[in-house]
Amino acid sequence: MKANSIIPKKSDLEVYGIKNATVNWNQSPEELQKITVAKGMGTETKNGTLAINTGKFTGRSPQDRFIVKDEYTTDKVWWGKTNKLVSPHNFDKLQANIVDYLSNKELYVRDGYVCADPTYRTNIRTVTEYPWSNLFVYNMFLRPTNEELAIFEEDWLILCAPGYVCDAPKEYGIRQGNFSIINFSKKVALVGGSAYTGEMKKGIFSALNLILPVERNVLPMHCSANVGDNGDTAIFFGLSGTGKTTLSADPSRKLIGDDEHGWTAENTIFNFEGGCYAKVIDLTEEKEPDIFRAIKLGALLENVVFTENGDVDYMDGSITQNTRVSYPIDHIDNIQKPSFAGNPKNIFFLTCDAFGVLPPVSKLTPGQAAYHFISGYTAKVAGTEAGITEPVPSFSACFGEPFMPLHPTKYAEMLSKKMTDAGVNVWLINTGWTGGPYGIGSRIKLKYTRAMITEILKGSLDTVEYDQHPIFGLFMPKYCPNVPTEMLDPMNTWLQKGVYISKSIHLAHFFHLNFEKFAEKASDHIIEGGPLIDEHHHLDHM
């Protein structure tokens, strides 16, 4: 056993059925990096950062994510495509197989916790087959003190065995050899057959997304958050590519966290995590200075490609477009310590609308906020190889559907109530196109988006007049300091107004189609928050 590792009182893995393992307890990042390199499982980049390859899986495998269906989950979980079920019996068999597989091996155990607010703290013990998986957990979960480690007892257990592949998946009720399964009754998460580190993080996030709202009246959110000098908190929701990490990293405000937060009944916002897991494809110091500078000793790079002299080529997506880095949050300079704050004042829903239809900024009513939250809209630009340049709408409920065990309307109703009770303003920010769709219009300049957010946080848009969008019903400010006024109503930026209206109706139709699967459980005030018009209506009904 290494001298620098901290071994808790109850430290025998035999309690989990793992026999004769050589155990590395709570090793330092330096030690884990050294072991990884010595075992030939990773390389050090020019500046000393550890880089590894996650193998066959370079991203999550949503079709192989399961929840155990038992007395606790049967009536709570929104079963279906996102939340697939597996029986308790099959889970037990897979857990026994993993335990057997991990026995007689050299293993790495990490004790950490999630939820920065001490009231909601949840202790997680992670047993990993690989040393670098353990470094990821060190970076991403919150780190107990040495005194806390000595008396650590876990609330949840993660068993991560990338080398175990189930050879008869159908017999276990799963789809193929890899799987990620959450058992709420046993408080155990299994990851088998995939070395992609994000499966561990998202497994625990998914668990919190059920436990916190159901048992603790806390709204879990897939968002980033920051806080100003006067204690006003801002929350940023947005799917990949909409600017969530970029816009929440504001030099004049402290970062609470960049991905997963809870909103309590006492109106505090707390970070679930102790680190950041950022995409690094096309990363430059000019575009993302905070992320770029955080990639140093202690960080973990995944699936990146090197130049001959050992520098990382961030432009190279030949292994995957989903190249990533994890690092402890204190690799960022301007952070809130500890990672929670009170008094949320503004919520931003970020969308990259490649249709060029949505206003660059609009203020939402509680009903509209709930509707757009459930919709979780952005638009992707299709691959151009086949000459397809038409934007493709993309919807992910609550801006994080793959990790939401409950029906999306449950989260939306909570958000709506919290907004109203706390008097929070909700804004829809389009970081996408203006003056036409992708290929015709231009991307809204980052400096204008930053200016809109800055002015909102200063309160400048509290007193201006608003126009209502004819199709979406959104309230658009008529003036915003440091932003060209003609931009604020997107119709002004299109050469042909009729084409703009028809494109707006076209997009509204996608919203309506997507919402059909939620409508039956949505209240009237949420349904009324949607677009005012569909393709089947005529403009004279407005």
Protein backbone atom coordinates (compact mmCIF):
# COMPACT_ATOMS: atom_id res chain seq x y z
CA MET A 1 0.00 0.00 0.00
CA LYS A 2 1.33 3.43 -0.90
CA ALA A 3 2.15 5.78 1.98
CA ASN A 4 0.21 8.69 0.49
CA SER A 5 -3.08 6.82 0.11
CA ILE A 6 -5.81 7.32 2.70
CA ILE A 7 -7.60 4.18 3.76
CA PRO A 8 -11.00 4.53 5.44
CA LYS A 9 -12.01 2.49 8.49
CA LYS A 10 -14.26 0.10 6.57
CA SER A 11 -11.80 -0.63 3.83
CA ASP A 12 -12.20 -4.26 2.88
CA LEU A 13 -13.63 -4.78 -0.61
CA GLU A 14 -14.76 -8.26 0.49
CA VAL A 15 -17.93 -6.58 1.83
CA TYR A 16 -18.87 -6.17 -1.85
CA GLY A 17 -17.80 -9.72 -2.67
CA ILE A 18 -14.53 -8.64 -4.35
CA LYS A 19 -11.88 -11.14 -3.21
CA ASN A 20 -8.05 -11.06 -3.15
CA ALA A 21 -7.77 -7.67 -4.85
CA THR A 22 -4.64 -5.52 -4.56
CA VAL A 23 -6.24 -2.21 -3.64
CA ASN A 24 -4.93 1.32 -4.24
CA TRP A 25 -6.99 3.54 -1.92
CA ASN A 26 -7.47 7.23 -2.70
CA GLN A 27 -4.17 7.65 -4.51
CA SER A 28 -3.04 11.16 -5.37
CA PRO A 29 -3.48 12.36 -8.98
CA GLU A 30 0.33 12.32 -9.38
CA GLU A 31 0.50 8.68 -8.29
CA LEU A 32 -2.39 7.64 -10.58
CA GLN A 33 -0.74 9.41 -13.52
CA LYS A 34 2.57 7.68 -12.78
CA ILE A 35 0.86 4.25 -12.61
CA THR A 36 -1.07 4.89 -15.86
CA VAL A 37 2.09 5.82 -17.75
CA ALA A 38 4.09 2.93 -16.22
CA LYS A 39 1.40 0.45 -17.32
CA GLY A 40 1.46 1.87 -20.86
CA MET A 41 -2.19 2.99 -20.54
CA GLY A 42 -1.54 6.68 -21.23
CA THR A 43 1.03 9.25 -22.31
CA GLU A 44 2.06 12.64 -21.00
CA THR A 45 1.68 15.61 -23.31
CA LYS A 46 4.35 18.27 -23.66
CA ASN A 47 3.08 20.21 -20.63
CA GLY A 48 2.72 17.09 -18.46
CA THR A 49 -1.03 16.49 -18.83
CA LEU A 50 -2.05 12.81 -18.93
CA ALA A 51 -3.76 11.73 -22.16
CA ILE A 52 -5.58 8.42 -22.56
CA ASN A 53 -7.67 6.64 -25.15
CA THR A 54 -11.07 5.28 -24.05
CA GLY A 55 -11.03 2.56 -26.72
CA LYS A 56 -14.15 1.34 -28.51
CA PHE A 57 -16.46 3.85 -26.81
CA THR A 58 -15.59 7.55 -27.16
CA GLY A 59 -18.95 8.72 -25.84
CA ARG A 60 -21.88 7.53 -23.79
CA SER A 61 -24.01 4.69 -25.13
CA PRO A 62 -27.57 5.90 -24.37
CA GLN A 63 -29.18 2.73 -25.76
CA ASP A 64 -27.28 0.66 -23.19
CA ARG A 65 -28.35 2.65 -20.12
CA PHE A 66 -30.80 0.91 -17.81
CA ILE A 67 -32.64 1.46 -14.53
CA VAL A 68 -33.65 -1.45 -12.31
CA LYS A 69 -37.45 -1.66 -12.23
CA ASP A 70 -38.52 -2.50 -8.68
CA GLU A 71 -40.89 -1.27 -5.98
CA TYR A 72 -39.02 2.01 -5.61
CA THR A 73 -38.86 2.92 -9.31
CA THR A 74 -41.96 1.32 -10.90
CA ASP A 75 -44.31 4.28 -10.46
CA LYS A 76 -41.72 7.05 -10.45
CA VAL A 77 -39.64 6.53 -13.60
CA TRP A 78 -40.78 7.64 -17.06
CA TRP A 79 -40.12 4.28 -18.72
CA GLY A 80 -39.41 4.15 -22.45
CA LYS A 81 -36.66 4.93 -24.93
CA THR A 82 -34.64 7.06 -22.49
CA ASN A 83 -35.20 5.01 -19.35
CA LYS A 84 -35.00 1.31 -20.22
CA LEU A 85 -35.78 -1.24 -17.56
CA VAL A 86 -33.83 -4.24 -16.32
CA SER A 87 -35.08 -6.69 -13.69
CA PRO A 88 -33.59 -6.86 -10.16
CA HIS A 89 -32.70 -10.53 -10.84
CA ASN A 90 -30.70 -9.68 -13.99
CA PHE A 91 -28.99 -6.79 -12.22
CA ASP A 92 -27.91 -9.10 -9.39
CA LYS A 93 -26.48 -11.58 -11.90
CA LEU A 94 -24.51 -8.84 -13.69
CA GLN A 95 -23.26 -7.42 -10.39
CA ALA A 96 -22.09 -10.90 -9.34
CA ASN A 97 -20.26 -11.27 -12.69
CA ILE A 98 -18.53 -7.89 -12.30
CA VAL A 99 -17.56 -8.63 -8.68
CA ASP A 100 -16.12 -11.96 -9.80
CA TYR A 101 -14.30 -10.25 -12.70
CA LEU A 102 -12.76 -7.60 -10.40
CA SER A 103 -11.55 -10.19 -7.85
CA ASN A 104 -7.81 -11.06 -7.92
CA LYS A 105 -7.00 -7.83 -9.81
CA GLU A 106 -5.17 -4.63 -8.96
CA LEU A 107 -7.95 -2.10 -8.35
CA TYR A 108 -8.26 1.61 -7.60
CA VAL A 109 -10.79 2.92 -5.09
CA ARG A 110 -11.85 6.54 -4.82
CA ASP A 111 -13.98 8.00 -2.04
CA GLY A 112 -15.64 11.26 -3.00
CA TYR A 113 -18.98 12.97 -2.75
CA VAL A 114 -21.48 14.92 -4.84
CA CYS A 115 -23.62 17.99 -3.97
CA ALA A 116 -21.59 20.94 -2.67
CA ASP A 117 -24.35 22.04 -0.29
CA PRO A 118 -23.66 20.03 2.91
CA THR A 119 -27.41 19.46 3.44
CA TYR A 120 -27.55 17.29 0.30
CA ARG A 121 -24.07 15.76 0.39
CA THR A 122 -24.01 12.19 -0.98
CA ASN A 123 -20.91 10.01 -0.48
CA ILE A 124 -19.83 7.92 -3.47
CA ARG A 125 -17.31 5.08 -3.42
CA THR A 126 -16.01 4.17 -6.88
CA VAL A 127 -14.09 0.96 -7.57
CA THR A 128 -12.30 1.14 -10.92
CA GLU A 129 -10.36 -1.38 -12.94
CA TYR A 130 -8.15 1.30 -14.53
CA PRO A 131 -6.01 3.91 -12.72
CA TRP A 132 -7.01 6.71 -15.09
CA SER A 133 -10.74 6.09 -14.54
CA ASN A 134 -9.93 6.77 -10.89
CA LEU A 135 -8.22 10.05 -11.80
CA PHE A 136 -11.38 11.09 -13.68
CA VAL A 137 -13.45 10.45 -10.53
CA TYR A 138 -10.95 12.46 -8.45
CA ASN A 139 -11.37 15.37 -10.88
CA MET A 140 -15.15 15.23 -11.24
CA PHE A 141 -16.54 14.42 -7.79
CA LEU A 142 -16.01 16.61 -4.74
CA ARG A 143 -12.93 15.78 -2.71
CA PRO A 144 -13.23 14.98 1.02
CA THR A 145 -10.58 16.11 3.51
CA ASN A 146 -8.11 13.54 4.88
CA GLU A 147 -10.06 13.51 8.16
CA GLU A 148 -13.30 12.80 6.28
CA LEU A 149 -11.61 10.06 4.23
CA ALA A 150 -10.45 8.25 7.36
CA ILE A 151 -14.07 7.75 8.54
CA PHE A 152 -15.70 7.59 5.09
CA GLU A 153 -18.86 5.54 4.57
CA GLU A 154 -20.48 5.48 1.17
CA ASP A 155 -24.12 6.19 0.30
CA TRP A 156 -23.66 4.88 -3.25
CA LEU A 157 -21.23 2.43 -4.84
CA ILE A 158 -19.99 2.55 -8.46
CA LEU A 159 -18.33 -0.56 -9.90
CA CYS A 160 -16.53 0.34 -13.13
CA ALA A 161 -15.21 -2.64 -15.12
CA PRO A 162 -14.48 -1.62 -18.73
CA GLY A 163 -12.81 -4.99 -19.39
CA TYR A 164 -15.91 -7.00 -18.45
CA VAL A 165 -18.05 -7.62 -21.52
CA CYS A 166 -21.29 -9.57 -21.07
CA ASP A 167 -21.08 -12.51 -23.48
CA ALA A 168 -24.80 -13.40 -23.47
CA PRO A 169 -26.57 -10.02 -23.21
CA LYS A 170 -30.04 -11.29 -24.15
CA GLU A 171 -29.99 -13.64 -21.16
CA TYR A 172 -29.51 -10.62 -18.89
CA GLY A 173 -32.16 -8.43 -20.53
CA ILE A 174 -29.62 -6.03 -22.04
CA ARG A 175 -28.89 -5.10 -25.65
CA GLN A 176 -25.19 -5.89 -26.08
CA GLY A 177 -21.99 -6.56 -24.12
CA ASN A 178 -21.62 -3.07 -22.59
CA PHE A 179 -24.05 -1.54 -20.10
CA SER A 180 -24.56 1.21 -17.55
CA ILE A 181 -27.19 0.35 -14.91
CA ILE A 182 -28.55 2.21 -11.87
CA ASN A 183 -30.14 0.33 -8.97
CA PHE A 184 -31.91 2.81 -6.67
CA SER A 185 -32.83 0.23 -4.03
CA LYS A 186 -29.28 -1.14 -3.65
CA LYS A 187 -27.69 2.27 -4.37
CA VAL A 188 -25.27 0.66 -6.80
CA ALA A 189 -24.28 1.79 -10.31
CA LEU A 190 -22.60 -0.69 -12.65
CA VAL A 191 -20.52 0.25 -15.70
CA GLY A 192 -19.39 -2.69 -17.80
CA GLY A 193 -17.74 -3.04 -21.19
CA SER A 194 -17.12 0.68 -21.78
CA ALA A 195 -14.11 2.72 -20.67
CA TYR A 196 -15.79 6.05 -21.51
CA THR A 197 -15.43 7.95 -18.23
CA GLY A 198 -18.60 10.02 -18.67
CA GLU A 199 -20.71 6.91 -17.94
CA MET A 200 -19.74 7.14 -14.25
CA LYS A 201 -20.49 10.87 -13.99
CA LYS A 202 -23.80 10.62 -15.83
CA GLY A 203 -24.86 7.54 -13.86
CA ILE A 204 -24.67 9.49 -10.61
CA PHE A 205 -26.24 12.58 -12.25
CA SER A 206 -29.18 10.39 -13.37
CA ALA A 207 -29.55 9.02 -9.84
CA LEU A 208 -29.63 12.53 -8.35
CA ASN A 209 -32.18 13.55 -11.00
CA LEU A 210 -34.65 11.18 -9.38
CA ILE A 211 -33.66 11.27 -5.69
CA LEU A 212 -33.43 15.06 -5.28
CA PRO A 213 -36.85 16.04 -6.70
CA VAL A 214 -38.72 13.03 -5.26
CA GLU A 215 -37.16 12.91 -1.79
CA ARG A 216 -35.69 16.37 -1.17
CA ASN A 217 -37.79 18.86 -3.19
CA VAL A 218 -34.65 19.98 -5.07
CA LEU A 219 -34.81 20.70 -8.81
CA PRO A 220 -31.83 19.06 -10.56
CA MET A 221 -30.62 20.98 -13.60
CA HIS A 222 -28.28 20.27 -16.53
CA CYS A 223 -26.85 23.79 -16.57
CA SER A 224 -23.92 26.01 -15.72
CA ALA A 225 -24.14 28.75 -13.09
CA ASN A 226 -22.24 31.81 -11.93
CA VAL A 227 -22.66 34.50 -9.30
CA GLY A 228 -21.97 38.25 -9.23
CA ASP A 229 -20.28 40.29 -6.51
CA ASN A 230 -23.64 41.22 -5.03
CA GLY A 231 -24.68 37.54 -4.72
CA ASP A 232 -27.04 37.40 -7.73
CA THR A 233 -26.91 33.96 -9.34
CA ALA A 234 -27.41 33.31 -13.06
CA ILE A 235 -28.18 29.89 -14.54
CA PHE A 236 -27.38 28.83 -18.12
CA PHE A 237 -29.18 25.91 -19.79
CA GLY A 238 -28.16 24.78 -23.26
CA LEU A 239 -27.33 21.75 -25.35
CA SER A 240 -23.87 21.12 -26.81
CA GLY A 241 -22.69 23.91 -29.11
CA THR A 242 -24.98 26.63 -27.77
CA GLY A 243 -22.32 28.41 -25.68
CA LYS A 244 -23.12 27.22 -22.12
CA THR A 245 -19.49 26.90 -20.96
CA THR A 246 -18.31 29.99 -22.88
CA LEU A 247 -21.04 32.33 -21.64
CA SER A 248 -20.96 31.21 -18.00
CA ALA A 249 -17.17 31.82 -17.87
CA ASP A 250 -17.44 35.56 -17.24
CA PRO A 251 -14.35 37.34 -15.83
CA SER A 252 -16.56 39.64 -13.75
CA ARG A 253 -18.50 36.78 -12.11
CA LYS A 254 -17.51 33.68 -10.13
CA LEU A 255 -18.20 30.25 -11.65
CA ILE A 256 -20.31 27.96 -9.42
CA GLY A 257 -20.07 25.07 -11.88
CA ASP A 258 -20.37 24.28 -15.57
CA ASP A 259 -22.72 21.31 -15.93
CA GLU A 260 -24.93 20.00 -13.10
CA HIS A 261 -26.69 21.88 -10.30
CA GLY A 262 -29.53 21.67 -7.81
CA TRP A 263 -32.01 24.42 -6.89
CA THR A 264 -33.26 24.02 -3.33
CA ALA A 265 -36.50 25.00 -1.62
CA GLU A 266 -34.43 27.63 0.22
CA ASN A 267 -33.49 29.16 -3.15
CA THR A 268 -29.84 28.20 -3.12
CA ILE A 269 -28.08 26.86 -6.20
CA PHE A 270 -25.40 24.24 -5.60
CA ASN A 271 -22.96 22.41 -7.87
CA PHE A 272 -23.20 18.61 -7.93
CA GLU A 273 -19.57 18.26 -8.96
CA GLY A 274 -16.01 19.14 -8.08
CA GLY A 275 -14.73 19.54 -11.62
CA CYS A 276 -15.40 20.24 -15.27
CA TYR A 277 -15.69 17.84 -18.20
CA ALA A 278 -15.25 19.98 -21.29
CA LYS A 279 -15.19 19.29 -25.01
CA VAL A 280 -11.84 20.24 -26.54
CA ILE A 281 -12.45 19.81 -30.27
CA ASP A 282 -11.17 22.97 -32.05
CA LEU A 283 -10.07 24.40 -28.69
CA THR A 284 -7.92 27.55 -28.81
CA GLU A 285 -6.68 29.83 -26.04
CA GLU A 286 -8.39 32.82 -27.73
CA LYS A 287 -11.83 31.13 -27.89
CA GLU A 288 -11.85 29.38 -24.50
CA PRO A 289 -9.02 30.77 -22.34
CA ASP A 290 -10.30 29.21 -19.08
CA ILE A 291 -10.52 25.68 -20.48
CA PHE A 292 -7.27 25.99 -22.39
CA ARG A 293 -5.33 27.06 -19.29
CA ALA A 294 -6.97 24.40 -17.11
CA ILE A 295 -5.32 21.66 -19.20
CA LYS A 296 -2.22 21.09 -17.09
CA LEU A 297 -0.79 18.53 -14.67
CA GLY A 298 -3.75 16.84 -12.94
CA ALA A 299 -6.14 17.18 -15.90
CA LEU A 300 -7.08 14.12 -17.99
CA LEU A 301 -7.34 14.38 -21.79
CA GLU A 302 -9.42 11.82 -23.68
CA ASN A 303 -9.04 10.64 -27.27
CA VAL A 304 -6.95 13.59 -28.49
CA VAL A 305 -4.29 13.36 -31.21
CA PHE A 306 -0.68 14.60 -30.84
CA THR A 307 1.71 16.34 -33.17
CA GLU A 308 5.21 14.87 -33.53
CA ASN A 309 6.66 17.11 -30.81
CA GLY A 310 4.07 16.05 -28.20
CA ASP A 311 1.68 19.00 -28.49
CA VAL A 312 -2.03 18.23 -28.67
CA ASP A 313 -3.67 18.92 -32.03
CA TYR A 314 -7.10 20.07 -30.86
CA MET A 315 -8.31 20.44 -34.46
CA ASP A 316 -7.87 16.71 -35.11
CA GLY A 317 -11.14 14.83 -34.62
CA SER A 318 -9.92 11.63 -36.30
CA ILE A 319 -10.52 9.49 -33.17
CA THR A 320 -13.77 11.29 -32.30
CA GLN A 321 -15.37 14.74 -32.44
CA ASN A 322 -16.10 14.18 -28.75
CA THR A 323 -12.53 14.83 -27.52
CA ARG A 324 -12.65 15.86 -23.86
CA VAL A 325 -10.77 16.96 -20.78
CA SER A 326 -11.64 16.59 -17.11
CA TYR A 327 -10.02 18.77 -14.46
CA PRO A 328 -10.74 19.84 -10.87
CA ILE A 329 -12.77 23.05 -10.73
CA ASP A 330 -9.89 24.86 -8.98
CA HIS A 331 -7.96 24.72 -12.27
CA ILE A 332 -10.26 27.67 -13.11
CA ASP A 333 -9.21 30.93 -11.41
CA ASN A 334 -12.46 32.73 -10.78
CA ILE A 335 -14.62 30.23 -8.86
CA GLN A 336 -17.14 30.41 -6.05
CA LYS A 337 -15.93 28.60 -2.92
CA PRO A 338 -17.65 26.46 -1.80
CA SER A 339 -19.63 25.81 -4.98
CA PHE A 340 -23.04 27.14 -3.97
CA ALA A 341 -24.82 30.49 -3.83
CA GLY A 342 -28.25 31.93 -3.18
CA ASN A 343 -30.80 34.14 -4.83
CA PRO A 344 -31.12 33.09 -8.51
CA LYS A 345 -32.15 36.22 -10.42
CA ASN A 346 -31.88 35.23 -14.10
CA ILE A 347 -32.13 32.00 -16.05
CA PHE A 348 -30.87 31.78 -19.63
CA PHE A 349 -32.03 29.12 -22.10
CA LEU A 350 -29.39 29.03 -24.83
CA THR A 351 -30.28 27.81 -28.30
CA CYS A 352 -28.27 27.85 -31.50
CA ASP A 353 -31.09 28.38 -34.02
CA ALA A 354 -29.60 27.59 -37.43
CA PHE A 355 -32.97 28.48 -39.05
CA GLY A 356 -32.30 32.13 -38.13
CA VAL A 357 -35.87 32.51 -36.87
CA LEU A 358 -35.70 33.03 -33.09
CA PRO A 359 -34.87 36.47 -31.67
CA PRO A 360 -31.34 36.91 -30.27
CA VAL A 361 -32.93 37.69 -26.89
CA SER A 362 -36.46 37.37 -25.57
CA LYS A 363 -38.12 37.36 -22.16
CA LEU A 364 -40.33 34.39 -21.31
CA THR A 365 -43.53 34.15 -19.26
CA PRO A 366 -43.65 31.26 -16.71
CA GLY A 367 -45.72 29.21 -19.18
CA GLN A 368 -43.31 29.89 -22.04
CA ALA A 369 -40.36 29.09 -19.78
CA ALA A 370 -41.87 25.70 -18.87
CA TYR A 371 -42.70 24.99 -22.54
CA HIS A 372 -39.22 25.87 -23.82
CA PHE A 373 -37.62 23.99 -20.90
CA ILE A 374 -39.54 20.82 -21.81
CA SER A 375 -38.71 21.35 -25.50
CA GLY A 376 -34.95 21.90 -25.01
CA TYR A 377 -34.52 23.14 -28.58
CA THR A 378 -31.44 23.79 -30.65
CA ALA A 379 -30.73 23.28 -34.37
CA LYS A 380 -27.80 21.39 -35.78
CA VAL A 381 -26.24 22.09 -39.12
CA ALA A 382 -26.36 18.88 -41.12
CA GLY A 383 -23.16 17.36 -42.51
CA THR A 384 -22.27 18.96 -45.82
CA GLU A 385 -20.65 15.94 -47.50
CA ALA A 386 -23.86 14.99 -49.25
CA GLY A 387 -24.56 18.64 -50.01
CA ILE A 388 -27.20 18.87 -47.26
CA THR A 389 -26.98 22.29 -45.67
CA GLU A 390 -30.54 22.49 -44.32
CA PRO A 391 -30.61 22.93 -40.53
CA VAL A 392 -31.98 19.99 -38.51
CA PRO A 393 -34.03 20.76 -35.37
CA SER A 394 -32.86 18.96 -32.23
CA PHE A 395 -34.91 18.65 -29.02
CA SER A 396 -33.73 17.29 -25.66
CA ALA A 397 -36.28 17.60 -22.85
CA CYS A 398 -35.13 19.78 -19.92
CA PHE A 399 -31.87 20.33 -21.86
CA GLY A 400 -30.75 16.91 -20.62
CA GLU A 401 -33.27 14.21 -21.58
CA PRO A 402 -30.82 11.26 -21.55
CA PHE A 403 -30.30 11.73 -17.79
CA MET A 404 -33.85 12.46 -16.63
CA PRO A 405 -35.60 9.47 -14.98
CA LEU A 406 -38.86 11.36 -14.28
CA HIS A 407 -41.38 12.64 -16.82
CA PRO A 408 -40.09 15.99 -18.18
CA THR A 409 -43.26 17.82 -17.05
CA LYS A 410 -42.32 17.04 -13.41
CA TYR A 411 -39.10 19.04 -13.78
CA ALA A 412 -40.87 21.78 -15.77
CA GLU A 413 -43.60 22.24 -13.14
CA MET A 414 -40.91 22.52 -10.45
CA LEU A 415 -39.02 25.09 -12.52
CA SER A 416 -42.18 27.08 -13.16
CA LYS A 417 -43.09 27.15 -9.46
CA LYS A 418 -39.54 28.09 -8.38
CA MET A 419 -39.40 30.85 -10.99
CA THR A 420 -42.66 32.34 -9.79
CA ASP A 421 -41.85 31.99 -6.07
CA ALA A 422 -38.36 33.48 -6.43
CA GLY A 423 -39.36 36.16 -8.96
CA VAL A 424 -36.73 34.95 -11.44
CA ASN A 425 -36.56 36.24 -15.01
CA VAL A 426 -36.16 33.64 -17.74
CA TRP A 427 -34.62 34.58 -21.08
CA LEU A 428 -34.30 32.71 -24.37
CA ILE A 429 -30.95 33.57 -25.99
CA ASN A 430 -30.33 32.58 -29.61
CA THR A 431 -26.60 32.18 -30.23
CA GLY A 432 -27.28 30.93 -33.79
CA TRP A 433 -28.09 32.74 -37.02
CA THR A 434 -29.49 36.13 -37.96
CA GLY A 435 -30.47 37.60 -41.33
CA GLY A 436 -31.39 34.19 -42.74
CA PRO A 437 -30.74 30.52 -42.06
CA TYR A 438 -27.35 28.79 -42.04
CA GLY A 439 -25.75 29.32 -45.47
CA ILE A 440 -27.53 32.64 -46.04
CA GLY A 441 -27.48 34.60 -42.78
CA SER A 442 -24.57 35.03 -40.40
CA ARG A 443 -23.82 33.70 -36.90
CA ILE A 444 -24.73 36.19 -34.17
CA LYS A 445 -21.48 37.71 -32.90
CA LEU A 446 -20.36 36.48 -29.48
CA LYS A 447 -19.73 40.09 -28.39
CA TYR A 448 -23.42 40.92 -28.94
CA THR A 449 -24.60 37.83 -27.04
CA ARG A 450 -22.24 38.73 -24.18
CA ALA A 451 -23.54 42.31 -24.24
CA MET A 452 -27.18 41.11 -23.99
CA ILE A 453 -26.37 38.89 -21.02
CA THR A 454 -24.34 41.65 -19.30
CA GLU A 455 -27.19 44.16 -19.73
CA ILE A 456 -29.75 41.66 -18.43
CA LEU A 457 -27.59 41.00 -15.35
CA LYS A 458 -27.28 44.78 -14.81
CA GLY A 459 -31.07 45.14 -14.99
CA SER A 460 -30.99 47.30 -18.16
CA LEU A 461 -33.79 45.29 -19.83
CA ASP A 462 -36.17 45.59 -16.86
CA THR A 463 -37.42 49.00 -18.00
CA VAL A 464 -37.38 48.83 -21.82
CA GLU A 465 -40.44 48.25 -24.03
CA TYR A 466 -41.10 44.84 -25.63
CA ASP A 467 -42.70 43.65 -28.87
CA GLN A 468 -44.35 40.23 -29.14
CA HIS A 469 -43.15 37.83 -31.83
CA PRO A 470 -46.07 37.11 -34.22
CA ILE A 471 -45.47 33.34 -34.44
CA PHE A 472 -43.70 32.29 -31.24
CA GLY A 473 -45.32 34.82 -28.90
CA LEU A 474 -41.93 35.65 -27.37
CA PHE A 475 -41.34 39.11 -25.90
CA MET A 476 -38.47 40.88 -27.68
CA PRO A 477 -36.85 44.00 -26.17
CA LYS A 478 -37.04 47.04 -28.48
CA TYR A 479 -33.70 48.30 -27.17
CA CYS A 480 -30.57 46.79 -25.60
CA PRO A 481 -27.41 48.83 -24.90
CA ASN A 482 -24.37 47.85 -27.02
CA VAL A 483 -26.46 45.75 -29.44
CA PRO A 484 -27.64 47.00 -32.88
CA THR A 485 -31.35 47.73 -32.46
CA GLU A 486 -32.32 46.29 -35.89
CA MET A 487 -31.04 42.86 -34.74
CA LEU A 488 -33.49 42.57 -31.86
CA ASP A 489 -36.46 41.72 -34.07
CA PRO A 490 -35.15 38.99 -36.40
CA MET A 491 -37.68 39.84 -39.11
CA ASN A 492 -35.85 43.14 -39.65
CA THR A 493 -32.67 41.28 -40.60
CA TRP A 494 -34.24 39.18 -43.39
CA LEU A 495 -34.47 40.64 -46.89
CA GLN A 496 -37.80 38.93 -47.58
CA LYS A 497 -40.30 39.27 -44.73
CA GLY A 498 -42.69 36.69 -46.24
CA VAL A 499 -39.93 34.07 -46.35
CA TYR A 500 -39.12 34.85 -42.70
CA ILE A 501 -42.76 34.31 -41.67
CA SER A 502 -43.05 31.01 -43.55
CA LYS A 503 -39.73 29.79 -42.07
CA SER A 504 -41.02 30.75 -38.58
CA ILE A 505 -44.23 28.78 -39.11
CA HIS A 506 -42.14 25.87 -40.38
CA LEU A 507 -40.05 25.88 -37.17
CA ALA A 508 -43.17 26.33 -34.99
CA HIS A 509 -44.51 23.14 -36.58
CA PHE A 510 -41.42 21.20 -35.42
CA PHE A 511 -42.02 22.51 -31.88
CA HIS A 512 -45.65 21.35 -31.93
CA LEU A 513 -44.75 17.91 -33.29
CA ASN A 514 -42.06 17.41 -30.68
CA PHE A 515 -44.37 18.52 -27.85
CA GLU A 516 -47.11 16.01 -28.69
CA LYS A 517 -45.44 13.29 -26.58
CA PHE A 518 -45.55 15.52 -23.47
CA ALA A 519 -48.91 17.23 -24.01
CA GLU A 520 -51.05 14.70 -22.15
CA LYS A 521 -49.23 15.38 -18.84
CA ALA A 522 -48.66 19.11 -19.39
CA SER A 523 -50.90 21.72 -17.75
CA ASP A 524 -52.78 24.30 -19.84
CA HIS A 525 -50.41 27.09 -18.82
CA ILE A 526 -47.44 25.11 -20.21
CA ILE A 527 -49.23 24.22 -23.47
CA GLU A 528 -50.18 27.89 -23.91
CA GLY A 529 -46.48 28.78 -23.67
CA GLY A 530 -45.82 27.25 -27.10
CA PRO A 531 -45.86 28.96 -30.51
CA LEU A 532 -49.10 30.82 -31.24
CA ILE A 533 -49.43 29.31 -34.68
CA ASP A 534 -48.86 26.03 -36.50
CA GLU A 535 -48.50 25.21 -40.19
CA HIS A 536 -52.16 24.17 -40.23
CA HIS A 537 -53.33 27.63 -39.19
CA HIS A 538 -53.38 30.74 -41.32
CA LEU A 539 -51.96 34.07 -40.36
CA ASP A 540 -55.42 35.63 -40.29
CA HIS A 541 -56.14 33.59 -37.12
CA MET A 542 -53.50 35.56 -35.23
